[in-house]
Amino acid sequence: MAGCIRAVSRAPDDQHDLRTQKPIVQVYTDWANHYLEKARCKRRVLDLQADVVDGVLLADVIEAVTNHKVADINRKPKNSSQMVS
């Protein structure tokens, strides 16, 4: 599979101001929330970096995008070693 995200080439005289575009983190947050909503998952990503730290919401996003269950997920990890495993 080639890249999923492609850089948009812009002409130097393009009218679009790059400063008004969403930051890439917000683009990925919106993308993840789109798939979570489509899969009817109740959870949403608010802060991409913080919300995927335990791996549970990340697994939910993966399941929503791929339509396959991620095996052996501890849905309520209590410590960092459980989050990693």
PDB file of N, CA and C in Angstrom:
ATOM      1  N   MET A   1       0.850  -1.163   0.000  1.00  0.00           N
ATOM      2  CA  MET A   1       0.000   0.000   0.000  1.00  0.00           C
ATOM      3  C   MET A   1       0.895   1.225   0.000  1.00  0.00           C
ATOM      4  N   ALA A   2       0.655   2.112  -0.897  1.00  0.00           N
ATOM      5  CA  ALA A   2       1.388   3.370  -0.920  1.00  0.00           C
ATOM      6  C   ALA A   2       0.960   4.196   0.276  1.00  0.00           C
ATOM      7  N   GLY A   3       1.416   5.399   0.395  1.00  0.00           N
ATOM      8  CA  GLY A   3       1.070   6.252   1.522  1.00  0.00           C
ATOM      9  C   GLY A   3      -0.414   6.592   1.552  1.00  0.00           C
ATOM     10  N   CYS A   4      -0.965   6.685   2.739  1.00  0.00           N
ATOM     11  CA  CYS A   4      -2.362   7.058   2.890  1.00  0.00           C
ATOM     12  C   CYS A   4      -2.541   8.567   2.838  1.00  0.00           C
ATOM     13  N   ILE A   5      -1.530   9.283   3.254  1.00  0.00           N
ATOM     14  CA  ILE A   5      -1.589  10.734   3.278  1.00  0.00           C
ATOM     15  C   ILE A   5      -0.613  11.259   2.245  1.00  0.00           C
ATOM     16  N   ARG A   6      -1.085  12.132   1.395  1.00  0.00           N
ATOM     17  CA  ARG A   6      -0.223  12.708   0.374  1.00  0.00           C
ATOM     18  C   ARG A   6      -0.082  14.200   0.616  1.00  0.00           C
ATOM     19  N   ALA A   7       1.090  14.699   0.380  1.00  0.00           N
ATOM     20  CA  ALA A   7       1.296  16.138   0.480  1.00  0.00           C
ATOM     21  C   ALA A   7       0.602  16.800  -0.700  1.00  0.00           C
ATOM     22  N   VAL A   8       0.004  17.917  -0.444  1.00  0.00           N
ATOM     23  CA  VAL A   8      -0.662  18.667  -1.494  1.00  0.00           C
ATOM     24  C   VAL A   8       0.328  19.674  -2.036  1.00  0.00           C
ATOM     25  N   SER A   9       0.577  19.589  -3.333  1.00  0.00           N
ATOM     26  CA  SER A   9       1.494  20.555  -3.920  1.00  0.00           C
ATOM     27  C   SER A   9       0.715  21.817  -4.236  1.00  0.00           C
ATOM     28  N   ARG A  10       1.304  22.931  -3.937  1.00  0.00           N
ATOM     29  CA  ARG A  10       0.641  24.213  -4.142  1.00  0.00           C
ATOM     30  C   ARG A  10       1.521  25.106  -4.990  1.00  0.00           C
ATOM     31  N   ALA A  11       0.875  25.830  -5.856  1.00  0.00           N
ATOM     32  CA  ALA A  11       1.583  26.815  -6.659  1.00  0.00           C
ATOM     33  C   ALA A  11       1.935  27.996  -5.762  1.00  0.00           C
ATOM     34  N   PRO A  12       3.041  28.675  -6.046  1.00  0.00           N
ATOM     35  CA  PRO A  12       3.452  29.802  -5.204  1.00  0.00           C
ATOM     36  C   PRO A  12       2.399  30.895  -5.114  1.00  0.00           C
ATOM     37  N   ASP A  13       1.582  31.061  -6.132  1.00  0.00           N
ATOM     38  CA  ASP A  13       0.582  32.119  -6.121  1.00  0.00           C
ATOM     39  C   ASP A  13      -0.778  31.637  -5.631  1.00  0.00           C
ATOM     40  N   ASP A  14      -0.813  30.451  -5.013  1.00  0.00           N
ATOM     41  CA  ASP A  14      -2.064  29.880  -4.528  1.00  0.00           C
ATOM     42  C   ASP A  14      -2.696  30.807  -3.487  1.00  0.00           C
ATOM     43  N   GLN A  15      -4.008  30.957  -3.558  1.00  0.00           N
ATOM     44  CA  GLN A  15      -4.740  31.859  -2.676  1.00  0.00           C
ATOM     45  C   GLN A  15      -4.899  31.301  -1.263  1.00  0.00           C
ATOM     46  N   HIS A  16      -4.719  29.987  -1.074  1.00  0.00           N
ATOM     47  CA  HIS A  16      -4.942  29.367   0.228  1.00  0.00           C
ATOM     48  C   HIS A  16      -3.833  29.738   1.195  1.00  0.00           C
ATOM     49  N   ASP A  17      -4.242  30.130   2.394  1.00  0.00           N
ATOM     50  CA  ASP A  17      -3.283  30.447   3.448  1.00  0.00           C
ATOM     51  C   ASP A  17      -3.076  29.184   4.282  1.00  0.00           C
ATOM     52  N   LEU A  18      -1.876  28.658   4.308  1.00  0.00           N
ATOM     53  CA  LEU A  18      -1.598  27.420   5.030  1.00  0.00           C
ATOM     54  C   LEU A  18      -1.835  27.568   6.527  1.00  0.00           C
ATOM     55  N   ARG A  19      -1.793  28.778   7.036  1.00  0.00           N
ATOM     56  CA  ARG A  19      -2.014  28.987   8.471  1.00  0.00           C
ATOM     57  C   ARG A  19      -3.469  28.745   8.867  1.00  0.00           C
ATOM     58  N   THR A  20      -4.395  28.762   7.931  1.00  0.00           N
ATOM     59  CA  THR A  20      -5.799  28.528   8.264  1.00  0.00           C
ATOM     60  C   THR A  20      -6.172  27.052   8.189  1.00  0.00           C
ATOM     61  N   GLN A  21      -5.267  26.197   7.752  1.00  0.00           N
ATOM     62  CA  GLN A  21      -5.548  24.770   7.683  1.00  0.00           C
ATOM     63  C   GLN A  21      -5.411  24.141   9.060  1.00  0.00           C
ATOM     64  N   LYS A  22      -6.119  23.025   9.265  1.00  0.00           N
ATOM     65  CA  LYS A  22      -6.061  22.316  10.532  1.00  0.00           C
ATOM     66  C   LYS A  22      -4.670  21.713  10.734  1.00  0.00           C
ATOM     67  N   PRO A  23      -4.196  21.711  11.981  1.00  0.00           N
ATOM     68  CA  PRO A  23      -2.948  20.995  12.272  1.00  0.00           C
ATOM     69  C   PRO A  23      -3.136  19.501  11.994  1.00  0.00           C
ATOM     70  N   ILE A  24      -2.077  18.830  11.645  1.00  0.00           N
ATOM     71  CA  ILE A  24      -2.149  17.416  11.270  1.00  0.00           C
ATOM     72  C   ILE A  24      -2.703  16.555  12.402  1.00  0.00           C
ATOM     73  N   VAL A  25      -2.433  16.917  13.652  1.00  0.00           N
ATOM     74  CA  VAL A  25      -2.980  16.156  14.785  1.00  0.00           C
ATOM     75  C   VAL A  25      -4.501  16.237  14.771  1.00  0.00           C
ATOM     76  N   GLN A  26      -5.056  17.393  14.451  1.00  0.00           N
ATOM     77  CA  GLN A  26      -6.511  17.540  14.396  1.00  0.00           C
ATOM     78  C   GLN A  26      -7.098  16.750  13.227  1.00  0.00           C
ATOM     79  N   VAL A  27      -6.365  16.686  12.132  1.00  0.00           N
ATOM     80  CA  VAL A  27      -6.816  15.899  10.980  1.00  0.00           C
ATOM     81  C   VAL A  27      -6.925  14.423  11.367  1.00  0.00           C
ATOM     82  N   TYR A  28      -5.903  13.897  12.049  1.00  0.00           N
ATOM     83  CA  TYR A  28      -5.939  12.495  12.479  1.00  0.00           C
ATOM     84  C   TYR A  28      -7.003  12.266  13.550  1.00  0.00           C
ATOM     85  N   THR A  29      -7.209  13.235  14.428  1.00  0.00           N
ATOM     86  CA  THR A  29      -8.252  13.119  15.447  1.00  0.00           C
ATOM     87  C   THR A  29      -9.622  13.033  14.789  1.00  0.00           C
ATOM     88  N   ASP A  30      -9.872  13.907  13.829  1.00  0.00           N
ATOM     89  CA  ASP A  30     -11.147  13.879  13.098  1.00  0.00           C
ATOM     90  C   ASP A  30     -11.321  12.567  12.343  1.00  0.00           C
ATOM     91  N   TRP A  31     -10.235  12.080  11.744  1.00  0.00           N
ATOM     92  CA  TRP A  31     -10.270  10.815  10.995  1.00  0.00           C
ATOM     93  C   TRP A  31     -10.639   9.656  11.926  1.00  0.00           C
ATOM     94  N   ALA A  32      -9.979   9.596  13.094  1.00  0.00           N
ATOM     95  CA  ALA A  32     -10.261   8.523  14.052  1.00  0.00           C
ATOM     96  C   ALA A  32     -11.701   8.606  14.544  1.00  0.00           C
ATOM     97  N   ASN A  33     -12.147   9.810  14.868  1.00  0.00           N
ATOM     98  CA  ASN A  33     -13.522   9.973  15.361  1.00  0.00           C
ATOM     99  C   ASN A  33     -14.552   9.626  14.293  1.00  0.00           C
ATOM    100  N   HIS A  34     -14.244   9.888  13.040  1.00  0.00           N
ATOM    101  CA  HIS A  34     -15.144   9.504  11.953  1.00  0.00           C
ATOM    102  C   HIS A  34     -15.364   7.991  11.959  1.00  0.00           C
ATOM    103  N   TYR A  35     -14.279   7.234  12.052  1.00  0.00           N
ATOM    104  CA  TYR A  35     -14.409   5.782  12.046  1.00  0.00           C
ATOM    105  C   TYR A  35     -15.043   5.253  13.327  1.00  0.00           C
ATOM    106  N   LEU A  36     -14.741   5.877  14.466  1.00  0.00           N
ATOM    107  CA  LEU A  36     -15.368   5.448  15.715  1.00  0.00           C
ATOM    108  C   LEU A  36     -16.878   5.678  15.659  1.00  0.00           C
ATOM    109  N   GLU A  37     -17.279   6.810  15.122  1.00  0.00           N
ATOM    110  CA  GLU A  37     -18.706   7.106  14.983  1.00  0.00           C
ATOM    111  C   GLU A  37     -19.371   6.132  14.017  1.00  0.00           C
ATOM    112  N   LYS A  38     -18.698   5.865  12.907  1.00  0.00           N
ATOM    113  CA  LYS A  38     -19.225   4.940  11.899  1.00  0.00           C
ATOM    114  C   LYS A  38     -19.422   3.538  12.488  1.00  0.00           C
ATOM    115  N   ALA A  39     -18.516   3.145  13.401  1.00  0.00           N
ATOM    116  CA  ALA A  39     -18.603   1.828  14.042  1.00  0.00           C
ATOM    117  C   ALA A  39     -19.505   1.846  15.276  1.00  0.00           C
ATOM    118  N   ARG A  40     -20.122   3.002  15.537  1.00  0.00           N
ATOM    119  CA  ARG A  40     -21.027   3.174  16.675  1.00  0.00           C
ATOM    120  C   ARG A  40     -20.351   2.946  18.015  1.00  0.00           C
ATOM    121  N   CYS A  41     -19.092   3.304  18.082  1.00  0.00           N
ATOM    122  CA  CYS A  41     -18.348   3.239  19.338  1.00  0.00           C
ATOM    123  C   CYS A  41     -18.715   4.471  20.157  1.00  0.00           C
ATOM    124  N   LYS A  42     -18.883   4.290  21.449  1.00  0.00           N
ATOM    125  CA  LYS A  42     -19.292   5.402  22.305  1.00  0.00           C
ATOM    126  C   LYS A  42     -18.140   6.348  22.630  1.00  0.00           C
ATOM    127  N   ARG A  43     -16.934   5.867  22.566  1.00  0.00           N
ATOM    128  CA  ARG A  43     -15.779   6.703  22.915  1.00  0.00           C
ATOM    129  C   ARG A  43     -15.347   7.548  21.736  1.00  0.00           C
ATOM    130  N   ARG A  44     -14.765   8.708  22.038  1.00  0.00           N
ATOM    131  CA  ARG A  44     -14.225   9.617  21.025  1.00  0.00           C
ATOM    132  C   ARG A  44     -12.836  10.070  21.438  1.00  0.00           C
ATOM    133  N   VAL A  45     -12.046  10.434  20.478  1.00  0.00           N
ATOM    134  CA  VAL A  45     -10.707  10.963  20.722  1.00  0.00           C
ATOM    135  C   VAL A  45     -10.845  12.463  20.937  1.00  0.00           C
ATOM    136  N   LEU A  46     -10.375  12.937  22.090  1.00  0.00           N
ATOM    137  CA  LEU A  46     -10.351  14.371  22.374  1.00  0.00           C
ATOM    138  C   LEU A  46      -8.937  14.915  22.217  1.00  0.00           C
ATOM    139  N   ASP A  47      -7.988  14.212  22.818  1.00  0.00           N
ATOM    140  CA  ASP A  47      -6.571  14.570  22.732  1.00  0.00           C
ATOM    141  C   ASP A  47      -5.856  13.323  22.231  1.00  0.00           C
ATOM    142  N   LEU A  48      -5.458  13.339  20.976  1.00  0.00           N
ATOM    143  CA  LEU A  48      -4.920  12.145  20.321  1.00  0.00           C
ATOM    144  C   LEU A  48      -3.784  11.515  21.113  1.00  0.00           C
ATOM    145  N   GLN A  49      -2.833  12.308  21.550  1.00  0.00           N
ATOM    146  CA  GLN A  49      -1.675  11.764  22.250  1.00  0.00           C
ATOM    147  C   GLN A  49      -2.054  11.180  23.610  1.00  0.00           C
ATOM    148  N   ALA A  50      -2.905  11.844  24.348  1.00  0.00           N
ATOM    149  CA  ALA A  50      -3.281  11.375  25.681  1.00  0.00           C
ATOM    150  C   ALA A  50      -4.262  10.206  25.632  1.00  0.00           C
ATOM    151  N   ASP A  51      -5.187  10.236  24.696  1.00  0.00           N
ATOM    152  CA  ASP A  51      -6.259   9.241  24.673  1.00  0.00           C
ATOM    153  C   ASP A  51      -5.818   7.853  24.206  1.00  0.00           C
ATOM    154  N   VAL A  52      -4.728   7.752  23.490  1.00  0.00           N
ATOM    155  CA  VAL A  52      -4.296   6.436  23.013  1.00  0.00           C
ATOM    156  C   VAL A  52      -3.169   5.855  23.860  1.00  0.00           C
ATOM    157  N   VAL A  53      -2.840   6.511  24.967  1.00  0.00           N
ATOM    158  CA  VAL A  53      -1.693   6.087  25.769  1.00  0.00           C
ATOM    159  C   VAL A  53      -1.853   4.680  26.354  1.00  0.00           C
ATOM    160  N   ASP A  54      -3.067   4.287  26.716  1.00  0.00           N
ATOM    161  CA  ASP A  54      -3.248   2.946  27.285  1.00  0.00           C
ATOM    162  C   ASP A  54      -3.513   1.883  26.234  1.00  0.00           C
ATOM    163  N   GLY A  55      -3.705   2.286  24.984  1.00  0.00           N
ATOM    164  CA  GLY A  55      -3.884   1.329  23.900  1.00  0.00           C
ATOM    165  C   GLY A  55      -5.316   0.902  23.657  1.00  0.00           C
ATOM    166  N   VAL A  56      -6.214   1.158  24.599  1.00  0.00           N
ATOM    167  CA  VAL A  56      -7.594   0.679  24.466  1.00  0.00           C
ATOM    168  C   VAL A  56      -8.333   1.450  23.371  1.00  0.00           C
ATOM    169  N   LEU A  57      -8.283   2.763  23.425  1.00  0.00           N
ATOM    170  CA  LEU A  57      -8.952   3.550  22.389  1.00  0.00           C
ATOM    171  C   LEU A  57      -8.274   3.346  21.038  1.00  0.00           C
ATOM    172  N   LEU A  58      -6.968   3.172  21.044  1.00  0.00           N
ATOM    173  CA  LEU A  58      -6.253   2.875  19.798  1.00  0.00           C
ATOM    174  C   LEU A  58      -6.764   1.563  19.200  1.00  0.00           C
ATOM    175  N   ALA A  59      -6.965   0.558  20.026  1.00  0.00           N
ATOM    176  CA  ALA A  59      -7.520  -0.719  19.552  1.00  0.00           C
ATOM    177  C   ALA A  59      -8.927  -0.516  19.000  1.00  0.00           C
ATOM    178  N   ASP A  60      -9.714   0.349  19.648  1.00  0.00           N
ATOM    179  CA  ASP A  60     -11.060   0.649  19.149  1.00  0.00           C
ATOM    180  C   ASP A  60     -10.997   1.281  17.757  1.00  0.00           C
ATOM    181  N   VAL A  61     -10.051   2.202  17.563  1.00  0.00           N
ATOM    182  CA  VAL A  61      -9.890   2.843  16.250  1.00  0.00           C
ATOM    183  C   VAL A  61      -9.475   1.806  15.208  1.00  0.00           C
ATOM    184  N   ILE A  62      -8.524   0.956  15.554  1.00  0.00           N
ATOM    185  CA  ILE A  62      -8.064  -0.087  14.620  1.00  0.00           C
ATOM    186  C   ILE A  62      -9.225  -1.005  14.244  1.00  0.00           C
ATOM    187  N   GLU A  63     -10.008  -1.402  15.237  1.00  0.00           N
ATOM    188  CA  GLU A  63     -11.161  -2.259  14.965  1.00  0.00           C
ATOM    189  C   GLU A  63     -12.192  -1.554  14.079  1.00  0.00           C
ATOM    190  N   ALA A  64     -12.396  -0.263  14.320  1.00  0.00           N
ATOM    191  CA  ALA A  64     -13.372   0.490  13.530  1.00  0.00           C
ATOM    192  C   ALA A  64     -12.923   0.631  12.079  1.00  0.00           C
ATOM    193  N   VAL A  65     -11.631   0.841  11.881  1.00  0.00           N
ATOM    194  CA  VAL A  65     -11.107   1.040  10.524  1.00  0.00           C
ATOM    195  C   VAL A  65     -11.059  -0.271   9.759  1.00  0.00           C
ATOM    196  N   THR A  66     -10.641  -1.345  10.423  1.00  0.00           N
ATOM    197  CA  THR A  66     -10.414  -2.616   9.729  1.00  0.00           C
ATOM    198  C   THR A  66     -11.601  -3.574   9.755  1.00  0.00           C
ATOM    199  N   ASN A  67     -12.558  -3.340  10.644  1.00  0.00           N
ATOM    200  CA  ASN A  67     -13.682  -4.261  10.835  1.00  0.00           C
ATOM    201  C   ASN A  67     -13.239  -5.623  11.355  1.00  0.00           C
ATOM    202  N   HIS A  68     -12.103  -5.662  12.040  1.00  0.00           N
ATOM    203  CA  HIS A  68     -11.605  -6.891  12.659  1.00  0.00           C
ATOM    204  C   HIS A  68     -11.315  -6.620  14.126  1.00  0.00           C
ATOM    205  N   LYS A  69     -11.605  -7.593  14.962  1.00  0.00           N
ATOM    206  CA  LYS A  69     -11.330  -7.469  16.390  1.00  0.00           C
ATOM    207  C   LYS A  69      -9.836  -7.609  16.648  1.00  0.00           C
ATOM    208  N   VAL A  70      -9.328  -6.772  17.543  1.00  0.00           N
ATOM    209  CA  VAL A  70      -7.951  -6.895  18.008  1.00  0.00           C
ATOM    210  C   VAL A  70      -7.976  -7.877  19.168  1.00  0.00           C
ATOM    211  N   ALA A  71      -7.196  -8.935  19.048  1.00  0.00           N
ATOM    212  CA  ALA A  71      -7.218 -10.009  20.043  1.00  0.00           C
ATOM    213  C   ALA A  71      -6.489  -9.610  21.321  1.00  0.00           C
ATOM    214  N   ASP A  72      -6.922 -10.181  22.418  1.00  0.00           N
ATOM    215  CA  ASP A  72      -6.248 -10.081  23.715  1.00  0.00           C
ATOM    216  C   ASP A  72      -6.036  -8.649  24.199  1.00  0.00           C
ATOM    217  N   ILE A  73      -7.084  -7.858  24.174  1.00  0.00           N
ATOM    218  CA  ILE A  73      -7.009  -6.490  24.681  1.00  0.00           C
ATOM    219  C   ILE A  73      -7.499  -6.472  26.127  1.00  0.00           C
ATOM    220  N   ASN A  74      -6.693  -5.906  27.002  1.00  0.00           N
ATOM    221  CA  ASN A  74      -7.112  -5.665  28.378  1.00  0.00           C
ATOM    222  C   ASN A  74      -7.857  -4.336  28.363  1.00  0.00           C
ATOM    223  N   ARG A  75      -9.156  -4.371  28.443  1.00  0.00           N
ATOM    224  CA  ARG A  75      -9.994  -3.180  28.312  1.00  0.00           C
ATOM    225  C   ARG A  75      -9.915  -2.256  29.521  1.00  0.00           C
ATOM    226  N   LYS A  76      -9.359  -2.730  30.631  1.00  0.00           N
ATOM    227  CA  LYS A  76      -9.223  -1.894  31.826  1.00  0.00           C
ATOM    228  C   LYS A  76      -7.843  -2.081  32.450  1.00  0.00           C
ATOM    229  N   PRO A  77      -6.802  -1.637  31.760  1.00  0.00           N
ATOM    230  CA  PRO A  77      -5.450  -1.804  32.317  1.00  0.00           C
ATOM    231  C   PRO A  77      -5.267  -0.937  33.564  1.00  0.00           C
ATOM    232  N   LYS A  78      -4.589  -1.500  34.557  1.00  0.00           N
ATOM    233  CA  LYS A  78      -4.404  -0.791  35.817  1.00  0.00           C
ATOM    234  C   LYS A  78      -3.001  -0.218  35.993  1.00  0.00           C
ATOM    235  N   ASN A  79      -2.061  -0.685  35.178  1.00  0.00           N
ATOM    236  CA  ASN A  79      -0.698  -0.163  35.293  1.00  0.00           C
ATOM    237  C   ASN A  79      -0.042  -0.167  33.913  1.00  0.00           C
ATOM    238  N   SER A  80       1.146   0.401  33.843  1.00  0.00           N
ATOM    239  CA  SER A  80       1.807   0.559  32.542  1.00  0.00           C
ATOM    240  C   SER A  80       2.174  -0.772  31.889  1.00  0.00           C
ATOM    241  N   SER A  81       2.508  -1.792  32.681  1.00  0.00           N
ATOM    242  CA  SER A  81       2.850  -3.085  32.080  1.00  0.00           C
ATOM    243  C   SER A  81       1.617  -3.718  31.432  1.00  0.00           C
ATOM    244  N   GLN A  82       0.447  -3.525  32.018  1.00  0.00           N
ATOM    245  CA  GLN A  82      -0.781  -4.025  31.397  1.00  0.00           C
ATOM    246  C   GLN A  82      -1.116  -3.241  30.132  1.00  0.00           C
ATOM    247  N   MET A  83      -0.785  -1.943  30.126  1.00  0.00           N
ATOM    248  CA  MET A  83      -1.022  -1.119  28.935  1.00  0.00           C
ATOM    249  C   MET A  83      -0.154  -1.576  27.778  1.00  0.00           C
ATOM    250  N   VAL A  84       1.085  -1.934  28.082  1.00  0.00           N
ATOM    251  CA  VAL A  84       2.019  -2.374  27.039  1.00  0.00           C
ATOM    252  C   VAL A  84       1.615  -3.736  26.494  1.00  0.00           C
ATOM    253  N   SER A  85       1.192  -4.625  27.366  1.00  0.00           N
ATOM    254  CA  SER A  85       0.844  -5.977  26.913  1.00  0.00           C
ATOM    255  C   SER A  85      -0.505  -5.948  26.229  1.00  0.00           C
TER     256      SER A  85
END
